[in-house]
Amino acid sequence: ALRMAYLRGGGHDPAILVQLLRLQAEATVLEKGAAEPRRGRRAAPVAPAEPPGAGPGGLDAALLAVELENQRLEEELLALKVRRERRANAGSQVAQWHSAELAQLQAEVGMLRCHMEQPRPWLLPPAILPPPVAPPLPP
C-alpha cells in the first residue's frame, strides 16, 4: 500500500522503489515467521539459508523471490508509463502552444494581405481632368 501510494503520488525514484521492495520482502518473511508455531526459536532470518528447492521452505522462499521480482518489474513498468504520460502531456502542451502561435501568425498574414490589396489614395496617379471651363458670359 505504501509503494502504491508513493507511485500514485508521482514518485519514481528507483532507490526508494528498491527500498520499498526490500521492506515488503522483510515484512512478508516476518509475517510468515509469526504465523509458524514457535518452539523457543528466534524469528526466521530474512534471507533463506538453504538453496531454493531444498524443501518446502526453499520453495516458499523461491516463490517469494519470484513474486518480489514480478512486483519490482510491475512497478518499473508503472514508472515507465507515468514518465511516458508526462512526456506526452508536455508534448501536447507544446503542440497546443505552437498551434496557437501558428494561428496568430496566420491571422496577421491575412490582415497584411488585406491591407496590401486595398487601394491607397496616395499611391494613385493624379486624376487627369480637362481644364476648367469658364461660365458663359451674360448677353
Protein backbone atom coordinates (compact mmCIF):
# COMPACT_ATOMS: atom_id res chain seq x y z
CA ALA A 1 0.00 0.00 0.00
CA LEU A 2 2.87 2.35 0.81
CA ARG A 3 4.56 1.64 -2.52
CA MET A 4 1.34 2.21 -4.48
CA ALA A 5 0.70 5.47 -2.64
CA TYR A 6 4.25 6.57 -3.49
CA LEU A 7 3.78 5.72 -7.19
CA ARG A 8 0.34 7.34 -7.40
CA GLY A 9 1.77 10.47 -5.82
CA GLY A 10 4.21 10.74 -8.72
CA GLY A 11 7.22 9.13 -7.05
CA HIS A 12 9.61 7.35 -9.40
CA ASP A 13 12.98 7.30 -7.66
CA PRO A 14 14.45 3.81 -8.28
CA ALA A 15 16.35 3.79 -4.98
CA ILE A 16 13.17 4.40 -2.99
CA LEU A 17 11.29 1.76 -5.00
CA VAL A 18 14.03 -0.80 -4.25
CA GLN A 19 13.94 0.14 -0.57
CA LEU A 20 10.16 -0.29 -0.51
CA LEU A 21 10.53 -3.74 -2.13
CA ARG A 22 13.08 -4.78 0.48
CA LEU A 23 10.81 -3.61 3.27
CA GLN A 24 7.93 -5.55 1.75
CA ALA A 25 10.06 -8.71 1.47
CA GLU A 26 11.21 -8.35 5.06
CA ALA A 27 7.63 -7.82 6.25
CA THR A 28 6.47 -10.91 4.33
CA VAL A 29 9.22 -13.05 5.86
CA LEU A 30 8.41 -11.72 9.33
CA GLU A 31 4.70 -12.38 8.82
CA LYS A 32 5.39 -15.95 7.73
CA GLY A 33 7.68 -16.42 10.72
CA ALA A 34 4.99 -15.12 13.07
CA ALA A 35 2.39 -17.46 11.53
CA GLU A 36 4.55 -20.55 12.20
CA PRO A 37 4.40 -22.02 15.70
CA ARG A 38 7.38 -21.03 17.80
CA ARG A 39 9.43 -23.71 19.51
CA GLY A 40 11.70 -21.50 21.51
CA ARG A 41 13.50 -20.36 18.39
CA ARG A 42 14.10 -16.85 17.22
CA ALA A 43 12.35 -15.35 14.20
CA ALA A 44 13.31 -16.73 10.80
CA PRO A 45 16.19 -14.96 9.04
CA VAL A 46 15.34 -12.59 6.21
CA ALA A 47 17.42 -14.47 3.63
CA PRO A 48 16.85 -18.25 3.47
CA ALA A 49 19.91 -20.27 4.45
CA GLU A 50 19.05 -23.20 2.18
CA PRO A 51 19.17 -23.16 -1.60
CA PRO A 52 15.83 -22.94 -3.44
CA GLY A 53 14.19 -26.29 -3.96
CA ALA A 54 15.84 -27.88 -0.90
CA GLY A 55 12.50 -28.42 0.81
CA PRO A 56 9.14 -26.79 1.42
CA GLY A 57 10.79 -23.70 2.96
CA GLY A 58 13.07 -23.39 -0.06
CA LEU A 59 10.10 -23.46 -2.42
CA ASP A 60 8.36 -20.77 -0.40
CA ALA A 61 11.49 -18.63 -0.49
CA ALA A 62 11.89 -19.17 -4.23
CA LEU A 63 8.22 -18.33 -4.80
CA LEU A 64 8.58 -15.21 -2.66
CA ALA A 65 11.67 -14.18 -4.65
CA VAL A 66 9.76 -14.62 -7.93
CA GLU A 67 6.79 -12.67 -6.59
CA LEU A 68 9.05 -9.86 -5.43
CA GLU A 69 10.78 -9.75 -8.81
CA ASN A 70 7.38 -9.63 -10.54
CA GLN A 71 6.30 -6.77 -8.29
CA ARG A 72 9.53 -4.93 -8.99
CA LEU A 73 9.01 -5.33 -12.73
CA GLU A 74 5.37 -4.20 -12.45
CA GLU A 75 6.49 -1.11 -10.56
CA GLU A 76 9.14 -0.41 -13.15
CA LEU A 77 6.51 -0.70 -15.90
CA LEU A 78 4.20 1.62 -13.99
CA ALA A 79 7.01 4.14 -13.53
CA LEU A 80 7.78 3.97 -17.27
CA LYS A 81 4.11 4.51 -18.11
CA VAL A 82 3.96 7.51 -15.77
CA ARG A 83 7.06 9.01 -17.41
CA ARG A 84 5.64 8.38 -20.89
CA GLU A 85 2.35 10.08 -19.93
CA ARG A 86 4.24 13.06 -18.53
CA ARG A 87 6.25 13.38 -21.74
CA ALA A 88 3.09 13.04 -23.83
CA ASN A 89 1.35 15.72 -21.76
CA ALA A 90 4.34 18.02 -22.07
CA GLY A 91 4.49 17.34 -25.81
CA SER A 92 0.79 18.07 -26.27
CA GLN A 93 1.13 21.31 -24.33
CA VAL A 94 3.99 22.37 -26.59
CA ALA A 95 1.98 21.36 -29.66
CA GLN A 96 -1.00 23.40 -28.44
CA TRP A 97 1.26 26.40 -27.87
CA HIS A 98 2.74 26.03 -31.36
CA SER A 99 -0.68 25.70 -33.00
CA ALA A 100 -1.95 28.80 -31.15
CA GLU A 101 1.12 30.74 -32.26
CA LEU A 102 0.68 29.48 -35.83
CA ALA A 103 -2.97 30.58 -35.83
CA GLN A 104 -1.95 34.02 -34.60
CA LEU A 105 0.70 34.35 -37.31
CA GLN A 106 -1.75 33.22 -40.00
CA ALA A 107 -4.24 35.86 -38.82
CA GLU A 108 -1.53 38.52 -39.00
CA VAL A 109 -0.57 37.41 -42.53
CA GLY A 110 -4.23 37.60 -43.57
CA MET A 111 -4.52 41.13 -42.18
CA LEU A 112 -1.37 42.21 -44.01
CA ARG A 113 -2.71 40.76 -47.30
CA CYS A 114 -5.96 42.68 -46.88
CA HIS A 115 -4.03 45.89 -46.29
CA MET A 116 -1.87 45.26 -49.33
CA GLU A 117 -4.91 44.66 -51.58
CA GLN A 118 -6.69 47.87 -50.56
CA PRO A 119 -6.14 50.80 -52.92
CA ARG A 120 -4.08 53.50 -51.39
CA PRO A 121 -5.07 57.06 -52.34
CA TRP A 122 -1.57 58.40 -52.00
CA LEU A 123 -0.23 55.84 -54.49
CA LEU A 124 -2.83 56.51 -57.26
CA PRO A 125 -1.74 58.71 -60.17
CA PRO A 126 -3.25 62.19 -60.09
CA ALA A 127 -6.57 62.41 -61.90
CA ILE A 128 -6.33 63.92 -65.36
CA LEU A 129 -9.18 66.37 -65.63
CA PRO A 130 -10.00 68.67 -68.54
CA PRO A 131 -9.14 72.30 -67.96
CA PRO A 132 -11.80 74.23 -66.12
CA VAL A 133 -14.42 75.78 -68.34
CA ALA A 134 -15.33 79.38 -67.72
CA PRO A 135 -19.01 80.12 -67.21
CA PRO A 136 -20.77 81.57 -70.25
CA LEU A 137 -20.77 85.34 -70.48
CA PRO A 138 -24.05 87.14 -69.90
CA PRO A 139 -25.71 88.67 -73.07
